[in-house]
Every structure is written in structure tokens, then in C-alpha cells.
């Protein structure tokens, strides 16, 4: 084997072994513990960090509250069909607490109320969930806080579709925005601490740079190993016509 090939093979093996050592460390529970004191490996640490940063960049509730002000006093009347009677009963509690009139007929729910007031109640619950204060939500309605948010989401989703059929574009847009930027965000990030990107720029940049470098690390290891054992790609010579 040529000297240059031996050097490439040795470098490739060193890169491959060091890559595997780092991989072992990544899967080891040696990273900072969660706020609950649970151990974390590198993957769970990175995943939790990015979730916290994502949550910190997804707080739209104050803006939606401002947009909702013009809907205070605008009445609505809809009839929505839920998955089962139990959902209709629980969802009726939510609208009643928001000042609306909610009538249950099996799995169907007839609602009449002030759209702005209803949205205000949804945003207050979403805000509590965003700030991980689920006990306030469950205590208000008497059942699990995540189930409450799921009921809000289902009802608003169906109400939004009804508004679209009735050509109530402004109302439909408001309800869709509340569902996507308040209810879904609060539900998905519940239990996660919010972190601002501006306050964790170094950590975020470091994780992204490490990801890129680590990916290239393995690629170069394979490249040098293959080069060392003589497996290389080269352009084939063009056969000349006689």
C-alpha cells in the first residue's frame, strides 16, 4: 500500500473512532438535568433546548387579544357536531363560562354568544397554559387542562368552518388564528419553559455549528478510509476512435 494511502487510512480510522466516542457521549446522561431533576442525554438536551427556544418565539396571545377588541359585542349563533356526547357536555361548560348560551342535544352543540367574549376566554385559558398554569384551567372547568384545550380546539375548528360557509371571512380568520397561534401553541408547549433566542444565541449557534461539523466529521472519516483502501472515484478515460 502506498505511503499516501496508509496516511489516509490512518486519518480515516482516527476520525471514525473519535466520531463513535463522541456519539457514545451524546447518548450518555451527562448533560444538564431538566428542571424536574431528570437526567438528559445529548439528544434530549438539544430537543428540549430547541423546544424552549421555539416556545419563546411563539407567544402571539397579546397581539391576538388586541385584534380581538373589535369583535367584542359581535354576536354569533352556530351549531356544531362533536365526536361524542361527553365532548359536547364538556365543551358546553367552556362556552357557558365565556358568557355564551350553549345547548346540548346528544353530540350536537348549539351556541349563541358574543364572539369577542368567547375568544377572550379562549385566549385567557391559552395564556395560562402557555405559562404552564394548567391548574387554573382545570380548576375553572373541573376536568383535565389538556382535555379543555382539545375541546376548545375542536369547537373552534368547526365554528371556523361554519363561518367560512356563511362567508363570514373576518370571523373565520379570527377563529383560525386563535386556534393556530394560541390554542395549538399553548397545548403543544405545555410543560416546557420558554426561552428567548436573544438570550441563548451562543448556545443555539453552538448546537447548529456542532450539528454541521459532526455530519461532515463522519463524511470525511468514510472518505479517507475508502481512499486508504484504494476505493476512489475517478473520471473514466474516453476511448478514442481509431
Protein backbone atom coordinates (compact mmCIF):
# COMPACT_ATOMS: atom_id res chain seq x y z
CA UNK A 1 0.00 0.00 0.00
CA UNK A 2 1.38 3.41 -0.94
CA UNK A 3 2.51 5.71 1.86
CA UNK A 4 -0.14 8.30 0.96
CA UNK A 5 -2.83 5.63 1.17
CA UNK A 6 -1.63 4.48 4.59
CA UNK A 7 -1.81 8.05 5.83
CA UNK A 8 -5.38 8.44 4.51
CA UNK A 9 -6.44 5.14 6.09
CA UNK A 10 -4.96 6.09 9.45
CA UNK A 11 -6.62 9.51 9.39
CA UNK A 12 -9.96 7.94 8.42
CA UNK A 13 -9.78 5.41 11.27
CA UNK A 14 -8.92 8.16 13.79
CA UNK A 15 -11.87 10.26 12.58
CA UNK A 16 -14.23 7.26 12.70
CA UNK A 17 -13.17 6.21 16.22
CA UNK A 18 -13.38 9.76 17.58
CA UNK A 19 -16.81 10.14 15.92
CA UNK A 20 -18.05 7.00 17.70
CA UNK A 21 -16.59 8.16 21.03
CA UNK A 22 -18.45 11.47 20.73
CA UNK A 23 -21.60 9.56 19.71
CA UNK A 24 -21.31 7.47 22.88
CA UNK A 25 -21.02 10.65 24.94
CA UNK A 26 -24.06 12.15 23.19
CA UNK A 27 -26.18 9.17 24.23
CA UNK A 28 -24.86 9.29 27.81
CA UNK A 29 -26.89 11.07 30.55
CA UNK A 30 -24.11 13.54 31.31
CA UNK A 31 -25.87 16.73 30.19
CA UNK A 32 -27.63 19.26 32.49
CA UNK A 33 -30.72 17.83 34.17
CA UNK A 34 -34.24 19.02 33.39
CA UNK A 35 -35.95 21.50 35.76
CA UNK A 36 -37.68 18.43 37.24
CA UNK A 37 -34.30 16.85 38.02
CA UNK A 38 -34.46 14.19 35.31
CA UNK A 39 -31.15 13.18 33.61
CA UNK A 40 -30.70 14.04 29.93
CA UNK A 41 -28.55 12.74 27.12
CA UNK A 42 -27.39 14.96 24.28
CA UNK A 43 -30.42 14.32 22.09
CA UNK A 44 -32.99 15.08 24.77
CA UNK A 45 -30.99 18.14 25.87
CA UNK A 46 -30.86 19.53 22.32
CA UNK A 47 -34.51 18.69 21.66
CA UNK A 48 -35.64 20.37 24.88
CA UNK A 49 -33.45 23.40 24.21
CA UNK A 50 -34.88 23.96 20.74
CA UNK A 51 -38.42 23.43 22.06
CA UNK A 52 -37.82 26.07 24.73
CA UNK A 53 -36.45 28.50 22.14
CA UNK A 54 -39.36 27.75 19.80
CA UNK A 55 -41.84 28.41 22.59
CA UNK A 56 -40.14 31.69 23.42
CA UNK A 57 -40.64 32.77 19.79
CA UNK A 58 -44.28 31.66 19.60
CA UNK A 59 -46.06 33.96 22.04
CA UNK A 60 -48.71 35.70 19.92
CA UNK A 61 -51.50 35.94 22.51
CA UNK A 62 -51.14 39.68 23.37
CA UNK A 63 -51.28 40.56 19.67
CA UNK A 64 -54.39 38.41 19.12
CA UNK A 65 -56.06 39.98 22.17
CA UNK A 66 -55.53 43.38 20.57
CA UNK A 67 -57.02 42.19 17.26
CA UNK A 68 -59.97 40.68 19.13
CA UNK A 69 -61.07 44.01 20.63
CA UNK A 70 -63.14 44.94 17.57
CA UNK A 71 -65.11 41.69 17.87
CA UNK A 72 -66.37 42.47 21.38
CA UNK A 73 -70.14 42.86 21.02
CA UNK A 74 -70.35 40.98 17.72
CA UNK A 75 -72.86 38.16 18.23
CA UNK A 76 -72.81 34.73 16.61
CA UNK A 77 -75.02 31.64 16.51
CA UNK A 78 -73.74 28.27 15.34
CA UNK A 79 -74.49 24.59 15.65
CA UNK A 80 -71.57 22.16 15.75
CA UNK A 81 -71.42 18.40 15.96
CA UNK A 82 -68.74 16.91 18.21
CA UNK A 83 -67.30 13.40 18.31
CA UNK A 84 -69.40 12.19 21.27
CA UNK A 85 -71.99 13.44 23.78
CA UNK A 86 -69.36 13.67 26.53
CA UNK A 87 -67.36 16.14 24.41
CA UNK A 88 -70.49 18.19 23.82
CA UNK A 89 -71.25 18.35 27.56
CA UNK A 90 -67.69 19.38 28.46
CA UNK A 91 -67.47 21.90 25.64
CA UNK A 92 -70.77 23.45 26.69
CA UNK A 93 -69.15 24.27 30.04
CA UNK A 94 -66.44 26.22 28.27
CA UNK A 95 -68.83 28.39 26.28
CA UNK A 96 -71.14 28.90 29.26
CA UNK A 97 -68.19 30.14 31.34
CA UNK A 98 -67.42 32.56 28.47
CA UNK A 99 -70.90 34.02 28.78
CA UNK A 100 -72.42 32.22 25.78
CA UNK A 101 -75.63 30.19 25.71
CA UNK A 102 -74.77 26.55 24.99
CA UNK A 103 -77.47 23.93 24.44
CA UNK A 104 -76.53 20.24 24.21
CA UNK A 105 -78.52 17.81 22.08
CA UNK A 106 -76.68 14.48 22.09
CA UNK A 107 -73.36 15.07 20.34
CA UNK A 108 -74.57 18.38 18.90
CA UNK A 109 -73.94 21.75 20.49
CA UNK A 110 -75.92 24.91 19.71
CA UNK A 111 -74.09 28.07 20.73
CA UNK A 112 -75.14 31.72 20.84
CA UNK A 113 -72.95 34.44 22.25
CA UNK A 114 -70.55 37.33 21.92
CA UNK A 115 -67.69 36.26 19.64
CA UNK A 116 -65.21 38.67 21.21
CA UNK A 117 -66.04 37.46 24.72
CA UNK A 118 -65.73 33.82 23.68
CA UNK A 119 -62.35 34.42 22.05
CA UNK A 120 -61.25 36.37 25.12
CA UNK A 121 -61.99 33.32 27.31
CA UNK A 122 -60.08 31.03 24.93
CA UNK A 123 -57.08 33.38 24.97
CA UNK A 124 -57.11 33.58 28.77
CA UNK A 125 -57.04 29.78 29.00
CA UNK A 126 -54.34 29.60 26.33
CA UNK A 127 -52.27 32.18 28.20
CA UNK A 128 -52.50 30.17 31.41
CA UNK A 129 -51.45 27.00 29.59
CA UNK A 130 -48.60 28.82 27.82
CA UNK A 131 -47.32 29.85 31.25
CA UNK A 132 -47.73 26.25 32.47
CA UNK A 133 -50.53 27.18 34.88
CA UNK A 134 -52.74 24.22 33.99
CA UNK A 135 -54.29 24.05 37.46
CA UNK A 136 -56.06 27.36 36.82
CA UNK A 137 -57.66 25.91 33.68
CA UNK A 138 -58.60 22.53 35.17
CA UNK A 139 -59.91 24.22 38.31
CA UNK A 140 -62.12 26.53 36.27
CA UNK A 141 -63.88 23.75 34.35
CA UNK A 142 -63.47 20.71 36.60
CA UNK A 143 -61.53 18.45 34.25
CA UNK A 144 -58.05 17.93 32.78
CA UNK A 145 -56.49 21.09 31.35
CA UNK A 146 -55.21 19.45 28.15
CA UNK A 147 -58.65 17.98 27.53
CA UNK A 148 -60.06 21.51 27.95
CA UNK A 149 -57.73 22.85 25.25
CA UNK A 150 -58.57 19.93 23.00
CA UNK A 151 -62.29 20.71 23.38
CA UNK A 152 -61.67 24.38 22.60
CA UNK A 153 -59.70 23.41 19.50
CA UNK A 154 -62.35 21.02 18.18
CA UNK A 155 -65.18 23.50 18.73
CA UNK A 156 -63.31 26.46 17.22
CA UNK A 157 -62.25 24.36 14.25
CA UNK A 158 -65.88 23.51 13.47
CA UNK A 159 -67.06 27.07 14.17
CA UNK A 160 -64.43 28.38 11.77
CA UNK A 161 -65.68 26.07 9.01
CA UNK A 162 -69.25 27.26 9.66
CA UNK A 163 -68.16 30.90 9.39
CA UNK A 164 -66.46 30.15 6.07
CA UNK A 165 -69.63 28.57 4.69
CA UNK A 166 -71.58 31.64 5.80
CA UNK A 167 -68.99 33.91 4.09
CA UNK A 168 -68.06 35.49 7.42
CA UNK A 169 -64.44 35.95 6.39
CA UNK A 170 -63.29 38.18 9.27
CA UNK A 171 -64.80 35.92 11.91
CA UNK A 172 -63.37 32.78 10.28
CA UNK A 173 -59.90 34.33 10.10
CA UNK A 174 -60.02 35.31 13.76
CA UNK A 175 -61.07 31.83 14.91
CA UNK A 176 -58.42 30.13 12.75
CA UNK A 177 -55.73 32.47 14.10
CA UNK A 178 -56.77 31.78 17.69
CA UNK A 179 -56.65 28.03 17.08
CA UNK A 180 -53.27 28.00 15.33
CA UNK A 181 -51.38 30.69 17.25
CA UNK A 182 -52.89 30.40 20.72
CA UNK A 183 -54.64 27.07 21.41
CA UNK A 184 -52.21 24.84 19.46
CA UNK A 185 -49.14 26.66 20.75
CA UNK A 186 -50.33 26.52 24.37
CA UNK A 187 -51.23 22.82 24.06
CA UNK A 188 -48.04 21.70 22.28
CA UNK A 189 -45.64 23.64 24.51
CA UNK A 190 -47.43 22.96 27.80
CA UNK A 191 -44.92 21.97 30.50
CA UNK A 192 -41.94 23.46 28.62
CA UNK A 193 -40.16 26.56 29.89
CA UNK A 194 -39.96 29.40 27.36
CA UNK A 195 -36.54 30.78 26.48
CA UNK A 196 -35.70 33.82 24.36
CA UNK A 197 -33.43 33.27 21.36
CA UNK A 198 -31.70 36.60 22.04
CA UNK A 199 -30.65 35.37 25.49
CA UNK A 200 -29.40 31.99 24.23
CA UNK A 201 -27.82 32.96 20.91
CA UNK A 202 -24.43 31.44 21.79
CA UNK A 203 -25.92 28.09 22.83
CA UNK A 204 -28.19 27.89 19.76
CA UNK A 205 -25.34 28.82 17.40
CA UNK A 206 -23.08 26.28 19.08
CA UNK A 207 -25.61 23.46 18.66
CA UNK A 208 -26.17 24.28 14.99
CA UNK A 209 -22.44 24.54 14.25
CA UNK A 210 -21.78 21.26 16.08
CA UNK A 211 -24.52 19.53 14.03
CA UNK A 212 -22.92 20.66 10.75
CA UNK A 213 -19.37 19.82 11.85
CA UNK A 214 -20.41 16.43 13.25
CA UNK A 215 -22.14 15.48 9.99
CA UNK A 216 -19.03 16.42 7.97
CA UNK A 217 -16.88 14.58 10.52
CA UNK A 218 -18.39 11.21 9.60
CA UNK A 219 -18.33 12.03 5.90
CA UNK A 220 -14.59 12.75 5.95
CA UNK A 221 -13.96 9.60 8.01
CA UNK A 222 -15.59 7.44 5.32
CA UNK A 223 -13.83 9.37 2.55
CA UNK A 224 -10.34 8.85 4.00
CA UNK A 225 -10.95 5.19 4.86
CA UNK A 226 -12.09 4.45 1.31
CA UNK A 227 -9.16 6.41 -0.08
CA UNK A 228 -6.81 4.47 2.17
CA UNK A 229 -8.00 1.08 0.91
CA UNK A 230 -7.92 2.25 -2.69
CA UNK A 231 -11.64 2.76 -3.28
CA UNK A 232 -11.75 6.09 -5.08
CA UNK A 233 -13.90 7.55 -7.80
CA UNK A 234 -12.23 8.92 -10.88
CA UNK A 235 -13.43 10.00 -14.27
CA UNK A 236 -13.11 7.23 -16.83
CA UNK A 237 -10.94 7.87 -19.84
CA UNK A 238 -12.69 8.48 -23.12
CA UNK A 239 -11.92 5.78 -25.64
CA UNK A 240 -10.67 7.30 -28.89
CA UNK A 241 -11.92 6.04 -32.19
CA UNK A 242 -9.22 4.54 -34.39
